[in-house]
């Protein structure tokens, strides 16, 4: 951290279901003078927030409109179906999309899973949010397919969920405005990528010219015969006179 960064704040946005704690904790250890402000934001609004300068970087669910943004894909989540505990699906360890053919399946407006063909029967409404869709599932009016972290986030005692083997999956990524790739953003990228404090990709890497020069200075000179030259002031070993 440079003196010019004292007093600055790193603003990190994240969409529901993403838990940035492990990266934030590492940041706190390495950058104690630059606190992190966490900015929770709906998945449908995170790109606009970043483009408007509301955060320095953010965790998003792909796909997003990448225009003007840099993106680092991080991990893929299992897709699960959320059902009432007394639903037939609850008796299985996992299911296929074909198992949901006769069920009504909600598709909230903030859904980020890319479907080529929607599973199940179309619902009578499109809830604005995943949270609203979960309420409708609890009312027994349909099912919901979401990334597993969202099923955990909206957990209810009267609901459960099961993995859907052949469903498309949601991918979480780190993104930020390409034109605003600041030193702080670079520092956070390093943390997310798992770089150590002494990584060569850090802020103050050793000059590439230094190490070769140092190795050259430490290497003993050689004479034309290929033997190492004897430093001045040092005598060659010979036979001692008897």
C-alpha atoms as a PDB file:
ATOM      1  CA  UNK A   1       0.000   0.000   0.000  1.00  0.00           C
ATOM      2  CA  UNK A   2       1.322   3.436  -0.917  1.00  0.00           C
ATOM      3  CA  UNK A   3       0.979   6.582   1.160  1.00  0.00           C
ATOM      4  CA  UNK A   4      -1.494   7.917  -1.379  1.00  0.00           C
ATOM      5  CA  UNK A   5      -3.915   5.106  -0.570  1.00  0.00           C
ATOM      6  CA  UNK A   6      -4.228   5.928   3.128  1.00  0.00           C
ATOM      7  CA  UNK A   7      -7.824   6.772   3.884  1.00  0.00           C
ATOM      8  CA  UNK A   8      -9.170   5.122   0.739  1.00  0.00           C
ATOM      9  CA  UNK A   9     -11.930   2.505   0.688  1.00  0.00           C
ATOM     10  CA  UNK A  10     -12.315  -0.465  -1.635  1.00  0.00           C
ATOM     11  CA  UNK A  11     -15.954  -0.928  -2.616  1.00  0.00           C
ATOM     12  CA  UNK A  12     -16.895  -4.521  -3.394  1.00  0.00           C
ATOM     13  CA  UNK A  13     -20.312  -5.409  -4.788  1.00  0.00           C
ATOM     14  CA  UNK A  14     -21.765  -8.904  -4.592  1.00  0.00           C
ATOM     15  CA  UNK A  15     -24.959 -10.565  -5.744  1.00  0.00           C
ATOM     16  CA  UNK A  16     -27.197 -12.730  -3.521  1.00  0.00           C
ATOM     17  CA  UNK A  17     -25.772 -16.143  -2.681  1.00  0.00           C
ATOM     18  CA  UNK A  18     -22.130 -15.118  -3.084  1.00  0.00           C
ATOM     19  CA  UNK A  19     -20.128 -15.008   0.148  1.00  0.00           C
ATOM     20  CA  UNK A  20     -17.048 -12.768  -0.224  1.00  0.00           C
ATOM     21  CA  UNK A  21     -15.875 -13.226   3.395  1.00  0.00           C
ATOM     22  CA  UNK A  22     -12.782 -15.355   2.693  1.00  0.00           C
ATOM     23  CA  UNK A  23     -11.365 -12.832   0.224  1.00  0.00           C
ATOM     24  CA  UNK A  24     -12.295  -9.857   2.399  1.00  0.00           C
ATOM     25  CA  UNK A  25     -10.505 -11.437   5.375  1.00  0.00           C
ATOM     26  CA  UNK A  26      -7.304 -11.828   3.361  1.00  0.00           C
ATOM     27  CA  UNK A  27      -7.625  -8.222   2.200  1.00  0.00           C
ATOM     28  CA  UNK A  28      -7.946  -7.053   5.813  1.00  0.00           C
ATOM     29  CA  UNK A  29      -4.682  -8.824   6.677  1.00  0.00           C
ATOM     30  CA  UNK A  30      -2.724  -7.482   3.708  1.00  0.00           C
ATOM     31  CA  UNK A  31      -4.289  -4.032   3.352  1.00  0.00           C
ATOM     32  CA  UNK A  32      -5.162  -2.880   6.887  1.00  0.00           C
ATOM     33  CA  UNK A  33      -5.132   0.778   5.839  1.00  0.00           C
ATOM     34  CA  UNK A  34      -7.772   0.304   3.141  1.00  0.00           C
ATOM     35  CA  UNK A  35     -11.101  -0.939   4.532  1.00  0.00           C
ATOM     36  CA  UNK A  36     -13.598  -2.801   2.346  1.00  0.00           C
ATOM     37  CA  UNK A  37     -17.149  -1.535   1.940  1.00  0.00           C
ATOM     38  CA  UNK A  38     -19.454  -4.404   0.926  1.00  0.00           C
ATOM     39  CA  UNK A  39     -22.268  -3.447  -1.448  1.00  0.00           C
ATOM     40  CA  UNK A  40     -25.045  -6.060  -1.718  1.00  0.00           C
ATOM     41  CA  UNK A  41     -26.855  -5.660  -5.029  1.00  0.00           C
ATOM     42  CA  UNK A  42     -29.504  -7.634  -6.954  1.00  0.00           C
ATOM     43  CA  UNK A  43     -28.107  -9.701  -9.816  1.00  0.00           C
ATOM     44  CA  UNK A  44     -30.070  -7.682 -12.368  1.00  0.00           C
ATOM     45  CA  UNK A  45     -28.521  -4.388 -11.192  1.00  0.00           C
ATOM     46  CA  UNK A  46     -24.866  -5.216 -10.537  1.00  0.00           C
ATOM     47  CA  UNK A  47     -23.587  -4.372 -14.038  1.00  0.00           C
ATOM     48  CA  UNK A  48     -25.235  -0.953 -14.019  1.00  0.00           C
ATOM     49  CA  UNK A  49     -23.834  -0.292 -10.548  1.00  0.00           C
ATOM     50  CA  UNK A  50     -20.283  -1.030 -11.708  1.00  0.00           C
ATOM     51  CA  UNK A  51     -20.609   1.070 -14.862  1.00  0.00           C
ATOM     52  CA  UNK A  52     -21.991   3.972 -12.843  1.00  0.00           C
ATOM     53  CA  UNK A  53     -19.012   3.862 -10.468  1.00  0.00           C
ATOM     54  CA  UNK A  54     -20.973   2.547  -7.497  1.00  0.00           C
ATOM     55  CA  UNK A  55     -18.334  -0.081  -6.746  1.00  0.00           C
ATOM     56  CA  UNK A  56     -14.725  -0.790  -7.703  1.00  0.00           C
ATOM     57  CA  UNK A  57     -15.346  -4.466  -8.461  1.00  0.00           C
ATOM     58  CA  UNK A  58     -18.072  -7.026  -7.954  1.00  0.00           C
ATOM     59  CA  UNK A  59     -18.958 -10.687  -7.779  1.00  0.00           C
ATOM     60  CA  UNK A  60     -21.596 -11.480 -10.413  1.00  0.00           C
ATOM     61  CA  UNK A  61     -23.374 -14.447 -11.927  1.00  0.00           C
ATOM     62  CA  UNK A  62     -22.658 -15.094 -15.578  1.00  0.00           C
ATOM     63  CA  UNK A  63     -23.802 -14.419 -18.182  1.00  0.00           C
ATOM     64  CA  UNK A  64     -23.692 -10.625 -18.093  1.00  0.00           C
ATOM     65  CA  UNK A  65     -23.262  -7.897 -20.697  1.00  0.00           C
ATOM     66  CA  UNK A  66     -19.443  -7.695 -20.748  1.00  0.00           C
ATOM     67  CA  UNK A  67     -19.195  -4.476 -22.739  1.00  0.00           C
ATOM     68  CA  UNK A  68     -16.556  -2.318 -21.017  1.00  0.00           C
ATOM     69  CA  UNK A  69     -16.020  -4.885 -18.267  1.00  0.00           C
ATOM     70  CA  UNK A  70     -13.178  -7.250 -17.441  1.00  0.00           C
ATOM     71  CA  UNK A  71     -14.299 -10.656 -16.181  1.00  0.00           C
ATOM     72  CA  UNK A  72     -12.543 -13.481 -14.321  1.00  0.00           C
ATOM     73  CA  UNK A  73     -14.712 -16.631 -14.067  1.00  0.00           C
ATOM     74  CA  UNK A  74     -14.256 -18.263 -10.655  1.00  0.00           C
ATOM     75  CA  UNK A  75     -16.442 -21.281  -9.971  1.00  0.00           C
ATOM     76  CA  UNK A  76     -19.544 -23.113 -11.162  1.00  0.00           C
ATOM     77  CA  UNK A  77     -22.507 -23.883  -8.905  1.00  0.00           C
ATOM     78  CA  UNK A  78     -24.779 -26.902  -8.893  1.00  0.00           C
ATOM     79  CA  UNK A  79     -28.339 -26.180  -9.975  1.00  0.00           C
ATOM     80  CA  UNK A  80     -31.007 -27.471  -7.583  1.00  0.00           C
ATOM     81  CA  UNK A  81     -34.783 -27.647  -7.570  1.00  0.00           C
ATOM     82  CA  UNK A  82     -36.548 -26.151  -4.561  1.00  0.00           C
ATOM     83  CA  UNK A  83     -39.654 -28.099  -3.537  1.00  0.00           C
ATOM     84  CA  UNK A  84     -42.022 -28.476  -0.579  1.00  0.00           C
ATOM     85  CA  UNK A  85     -40.821 -31.168   1.816  1.00  0.00           C
ATOM     86  CA  UNK A  86     -43.841 -33.360   1.024  1.00  0.00           C
ATOM     87  CA  UNK A  87     -43.200 -33.252  -2.757  1.00  0.00           C
ATOM     88  CA  UNK A  88     -42.288 -36.518  -4.516  1.00  0.00           C
ATOM     89  CA  UNK A  89     -38.910 -35.045  -5.541  1.00  0.00           C
ATOM     90  CA  UNK A  90     -37.906 -34.842  -1.883  1.00  0.00           C
ATOM     91  CA  UNK A  91     -37.732 -38.645  -1.736  1.00  0.00           C
ATOM     92  CA  UNK A  92     -34.860 -38.734  -4.271  1.00  0.00           C
ATOM     93  CA  UNK A  93     -31.190 -37.851  -3.773  1.00  0.00           C
ATOM     94  CA  UNK A  94     -31.078 -36.070  -7.138  1.00  0.00           C
ATOM     95  CA  UNK A  95     -33.298 -35.678 -10.181  1.00  0.00           C
ATOM     96  CA  UNK A  96     -33.244 -35.017 -13.930  1.00  0.00           C
ATOM     97  CA  UNK A  97     -35.098 -32.294 -15.813  1.00  0.00           C
ATOM     98  CA  UNK A  98     -37.392 -34.967 -17.237  1.00  0.00           C
ATOM     99  CA  UNK A  99     -38.601 -35.698 -13.707  1.00  0.00           C
ATOM    100  CA  UNK A 100     -40.105 -32.190 -13.553  1.00  0.00           C
ATOM    101  CA  UNK A 101     -42.101 -32.399 -16.794  1.00  0.00           C
ATOM    102  CA  UNK A 102     -45.506 -32.318 -15.106  1.00  0.00           C
ATOM    103  CA  UNK A 103     -44.645 -29.664 -12.512  1.00  0.00           C
ATOM    104  CA  UNK A 104     -45.119 -25.917 -12.757  1.00  0.00           C
ATOM    105  CA  UNK A 105     -41.716 -24.234 -12.588  1.00  0.00           C
ATOM    106  CA  UNK A 106     -41.294 -20.575 -11.720  1.00  0.00           C
ATOM    107  CA  UNK A 107     -38.796 -18.386 -13.555  1.00  0.00           C
ATOM    108  CA  UNK A 108     -38.168 -15.179 -11.573  1.00  0.00           C
ATOM    109  CA  UNK A 109     -37.055 -12.063 -13.415  1.00  0.00           C
ATOM    110  CA  UNK A 110     -33.669 -12.181 -11.653  1.00  0.00           C
ATOM    111  CA  UNK A 111     -32.965 -15.747 -12.866  1.00  0.00           C
ATOM    112  CA  UNK A 112     -29.377 -16.008 -14.174  1.00  0.00           C
ATOM    113  CA  UNK A 113     -29.400 -19.616 -15.398  1.00  0.00           C
ATOM    114  CA  UNK A 114     -29.212 -19.878 -19.194  1.00  0.00           C
ATOM    115  CA  UNK A 115     -31.968 -22.203 -20.371  1.00  0.00           C
ATOM    116  CA  UNK A 116     -32.282 -23.403 -23.946  1.00  0.00           C
ATOM    117  CA  UNK A 117     -35.537 -25.123 -23.065  1.00  0.00           C
ATOM    118  CA  UNK A 118     -37.335 -24.281 -19.841  1.00  0.00           C
ATOM    119  CA  UNK A 119     -38.108 -27.294 -17.653  1.00  0.00           C
ATOM    120  CA  UNK A 120     -41.598 -28.177 -16.488  1.00  0.00           C
ATOM    121  CA  UNK A 121     -44.809 -26.316 -17.207  1.00  0.00           C
ATOM    122  CA  UNK A 122     -44.892 -22.511 -17.510  1.00  0.00           C
ATOM    123  CA  UNK A 123     -46.071 -20.725 -14.361  1.00  0.00           C
ATOM    124  CA  UNK A 124     -48.983 -18.312 -14.173  1.00  0.00           C
ATOM    125  CA  UNK A 125     -46.635 -15.458 -13.259  1.00  0.00           C
ATOM    126  CA  UNK A 126     -42.983 -14.427 -13.319  1.00  0.00           C
ATOM    127  CA  UNK A 127     -41.990 -13.314  -9.802  1.00  0.00           C
ATOM    128  CA  UNK A 128     -39.797 -10.230  -9.653  1.00  0.00           C
ATOM    129  CA  UNK A 129     -37.215 -11.898  -7.419  1.00  0.00           C
ATOM    130  CA  UNK A 130     -36.013 -15.318  -6.327  1.00  0.00           C
ATOM    131  CA  UNK A 131     -37.227 -14.535  -2.809  1.00  0.00           C
ATOM    132  CA  UNK A 132     -40.780 -14.043  -4.118  1.00  0.00           C
ATOM    133  CA  UNK A 133     -40.549 -17.272  -6.108  1.00  0.00           C
ATOM    134  CA  UNK A 134     -39.538 -19.157  -2.964  1.00  0.00           C
ATOM    135  CA  UNK A 135     -42.673 -17.850  -1.246  1.00  0.00           C
ATOM    136  CA  UNK A 136     -44.782 -19.205  -4.097  1.00  0.00           C
ATOM    137  CA  UNK A 137     -43.075 -22.602  -3.846  1.00  0.00           C
ATOM    138  CA  UNK A 138     -43.867 -22.646  -0.129  1.00  0.00           C
ATOM    139  CA  UNK A 139     -47.505 -21.963  -1.014  1.00  0.00           C
ATOM    140  CA  UNK A 140     -47.513 -25.143  -3.087  1.00  0.00           C
ATOM    141  CA  UNK A 141     -48.063 -23.464  -6.458  1.00  0.00           C
ATOM    142  CA  UNK A 142     -44.905 -24.611  -8.251  1.00  0.00           C
ATOM    143  CA  UNK A 143     -41.203 -25.422  -8.115  1.00  0.00           C
ATOM    144  CA  UNK A 144     -38.056 -23.333  -8.584  1.00  0.00           C
ATOM    145  CA  UNK A 145     -34.621 -24.079 -10.050  1.00  0.00           C
ATOM    146  CA  UNK A 146     -31.750 -21.990  -8.713  1.00  0.00           C
ATOM    147  CA  UNK A 147     -28.012 -22.159  -7.963  1.00  0.00           C
ATOM    148  CA  UNK A 148     -27.450 -24.095  -4.748  1.00  0.00           C
ATOM    149  CA  UNK A 149     -26.189 -21.056  -2.817  1.00  0.00           C
ATOM    150  CA  UNK A 150     -29.502 -19.267  -3.441  1.00  0.00           C
ATOM    151  CA  UNK A 151     -31.432 -22.280  -2.166  1.00  0.00           C
ATOM    152  CA  UNK A 152     -29.357 -22.087   1.007  1.00  0.00           C
ATOM    153  CA  UNK A 153     -29.806 -18.340   1.263  1.00  0.00           C
ATOM    154  CA  UNK A 154     -33.604 -18.643   1.100  1.00  0.00           C
ATOM    155  CA  UNK A 155     -33.829 -21.778   3.242  1.00  0.00           C
ATOM    156  CA  UNK A 156     -37.154 -22.473   4.930  1.00  0.00           C
ATOM    157  CA  UNK A 157     -38.141 -25.319   7.233  1.00  0.00           C
ATOM    158  CA  UNK A 158     -41.038 -26.292   5.009  1.00  0.00           C
ATOM    159  CA  UNK A 159     -38.877 -26.502   1.857  1.00  0.00           C
ATOM    160  CA  UNK A 160     -35.977 -28.616   0.681  1.00  0.00           C
ATOM    161  CA  UNK A 161     -33.930 -28.905  -2.495  1.00  0.00           C
ATOM    162  CA  UNK A 162     -32.318 -31.570  -4.660  1.00  0.00           C
ATOM    163  CA  UNK A 163     -29.538 -31.385  -7.302  1.00  0.00           C
ATOM    164  CA  UNK A 164     -30.686 -31.500 -10.934  1.00  0.00           C
ATOM    165  CA  UNK A 165     -28.115 -33.578 -12.782  1.00  0.00           C
ATOM    166  CA  UNK A 166     -28.617 -32.351 -16.342  1.00  0.00           C
ATOM    167  CA  UNK A 167     -29.546 -28.712 -15.692  1.00  0.00           C
ATOM    168  CA  UNK A 168     -27.411 -25.793 -16.902  1.00  0.00           C
ATOM    169  CA  UNK A 169     -25.205 -24.379 -14.159  1.00  0.00           C
ATOM    170  CA  UNK A 170     -24.555 -20.879 -12.905  1.00  0.00           C
ATOM    171  CA  UNK A 171     -21.017 -19.475 -12.891  1.00  0.00           C
ATOM    172  CA  UNK A 172     -19.757 -16.853 -10.446  1.00  0.00           C
ATOM    173  CA  UNK A 173     -17.172 -14.347 -11.642  1.00  0.00           C
ATOM    174  CA  UNK A 174     -15.258 -11.274 -10.523  1.00  0.00           C
ATOM    175  CA  UNK A 175     -15.781  -8.258 -12.761  1.00  0.00           C
ATOM    176  CA  UNK A 176     -14.844  -4.580 -12.867  1.00  0.00           C
ATOM    177  CA  UNK A 177     -14.828  -1.692 -15.378  1.00  0.00           C
ATOM    178  CA  UNK A 178     -11.804  -2.212 -17.618  1.00  0.00           C
ATOM    179  CA  UNK A 179     -11.070   1.528 -17.768  1.00  0.00           C
ATOM    180  CA  UNK A 180     -11.019   1.645 -13.950  1.00  0.00           C
ATOM    181  CA  UNK A 181      -8.450  -1.063 -13.296  1.00  0.00           C
ATOM    182  CA  UNK A 182      -6.815   0.675 -10.339  1.00  0.00           C
ATOM    183  CA  UNK A 183      -3.989  -0.589  -8.136  1.00  0.00           C
ATOM    184  CA  UNK A 184      -6.566  -1.565  -5.515  1.00  0.00           C
ATOM    185  CA  UNK A 185      -8.465  -3.610  -8.084  1.00  0.00           C
ATOM    186  CA  UNK A 186      -5.207  -5.307  -9.076  1.00  0.00           C
ATOM    187  CA  UNK A 187      -4.552  -6.093  -5.416  1.00  0.00           C
ATOM    188  CA  UNK A 188      -7.959  -7.698  -5.064  1.00  0.00           C
ATOM    189  CA  UNK A 189      -7.511  -9.677  -8.270  1.00  0.00           C
ATOM    190  CA  UNK A 190      -4.299 -11.066  -6.794  1.00  0.00           C
ATOM    191  CA  UNK A 191      -6.135 -12.177  -3.666  1.00  0.00           C
ATOM    192  CA  UNK A 192      -8.928 -13.837  -5.638  1.00  0.00           C
ATOM    193  CA  UNK A 193      -6.388 -15.617  -7.839  1.00  0.00           C
ATOM    194  CA  UNK A 194      -4.625 -16.908  -4.735  1.00  0.00           C
ATOM    195  CA  UNK A 195      -1.367 -15.011  -5.139  1.00  0.00           C
ATOM    196  CA  UNK A 196       0.835 -14.781  -2.091  1.00  0.00           C
ATOM    197  CA  UNK A 197       2.125 -11.570  -0.546  1.00  0.00           C
ATOM    198  CA  UNK A 198       5.525 -12.169  -2.178  1.00  0.00           C
ATOM    199  CA  UNK A 199       4.088 -13.020  -5.581  1.00  0.00           C
ATOM    200  CA  UNK A 200       5.976 -11.652  -8.588  1.00  0.00           C
ATOM    201  CA  UNK A 201       2.654 -10.128  -9.689  1.00  0.00           C
ATOM    202  CA  UNK A 202       2.582  -7.899  -6.626  1.00  0.00           C
ATOM    203  CA  UNK A 203       2.864  -4.110  -6.517  1.00  0.00           C
ATOM    204  CA  UNK A 204       6.636  -3.866  -6.130  1.00  0.00           C
ATOM    205  CA  UNK A 205       8.232  -6.693  -8.095  1.00  0.00           C
ATOM    206  CA  UNK A 206      12.004  -6.830  -8.326  1.00  0.00           C
ATOM    207  CA  UNK A 207      13.351  -5.344 -11.524  1.00  0.00           C
ATOM    208  CA  UNK A 208      13.809  -8.111 -14.122  1.00  0.00           C
ATOM    209  CA  UNK A 209      17.301  -6.773 -14.816  1.00  0.00           C
ATOM    210  CA  UNK A 210      18.456  -7.085 -11.229  1.00  0.00           C
ATOM    211  CA  UNK A 211      18.601 -10.836 -10.807  1.00  0.00           C
ATOM    212  CA  UNK A 212      20.593 -11.659 -13.946  1.00  0.00           C
ATOM    213  CA  UNK A 213      23.033  -8.884 -13.043  1.00  0.00           C
ATOM    214  CA  UNK A 214      23.412 -10.258  -9.552  1.00  0.00           C
ATOM    215  CA  UNK A 215      24.001 -13.767 -10.842  1.00  0.00           C
ATOM    216  CA  UNK A 216      26.624 -12.458 -13.253  1.00  0.00           C
ATOM    217  CA  UNK A 217      28.420 -10.607 -10.465  1.00  0.00           C
ATOM    218  CA  UNK A 218      28.507 -13.716  -8.303  1.00  0.00           C
ATOM    219  CA  UNK A 219      29.769 -16.013 -11.074  1.00  0.00           C
ATOM    220  CA  UNK A 220      33.557 -16.471 -10.998  1.00  0.00           C
ATOM    221  CA  UNK A 221      35.395 -15.320 -14.074  1.00  0.00           C
ATOM    222  CA  UNK A 222      37.025 -17.878 -16.343  1.00  0.00           C
ATOM    223  CA  UNK A 223      40.289 -17.660 -18.284  1.00  0.00           C
ATOM    224  CA  UNK A 224      40.691 -18.677 -21.895  1.00  0.00           C
ATOM    225  CA  UNK A 225      41.514 -22.260 -20.994  1.00  0.00           C
ATOM    226  CA  UNK A 226      38.111 -22.589 -19.348  1.00  0.00           C
ATOM    227  CA  UNK A 227      39.543 -22.747 -15.837  1.00  0.00           C
ATOM    228  CA  UNK A 228      38.382 -20.405 -13.152  1.00  0.00           C
ATOM    229  CA  UNK A 229      40.644 -17.432 -12.633  1.00  0.00           C
ATOM    230  CA  UNK A 230      42.233 -17.020  -9.213  1.00  0.00           C
ATOM    231  CA  UNK A 231      41.237 -13.755  -7.532  1.00  0.00           C
ATOM    232  CA  UNK A 232      44.023 -11.229  -7.008  1.00  0.00           C
ATOM    233  CA  UNK A 233      45.872 -11.587  -3.747  1.00  0.00           C
ATOM    234  CA  UNK A 234      45.108 -15.292  -3.456  1.00  0.00           C
ATOM    235  CA  UNK A 235      47.909 -17.796  -4.033  1.00  0.00           C
ATOM    236  CA  UNK A 236      47.494 -21.048  -5.857  1.00  0.00           C
ATOM    237  CA  UNK A 237      47.883 -24.174  -3.825  1.00  0.00           C
ATOM    238  CA  UNK A 238      51.086 -26.031  -4.529  1.00  0.00           C
ATOM    239  CA  UNK A 239      53.346 -28.661  -2.977  1.00  0.00           C
ATOM    240  CA  UNK A 240      54.915 -27.544   0.215  1.00  0.00           C
ATOM    241  CA  UNK A 241      58.727 -27.710   0.199  1.00  0.00           C
ATOM    242  CA  UNK A 242      60.075 -30.582   2.234  1.00  0.00           C
END
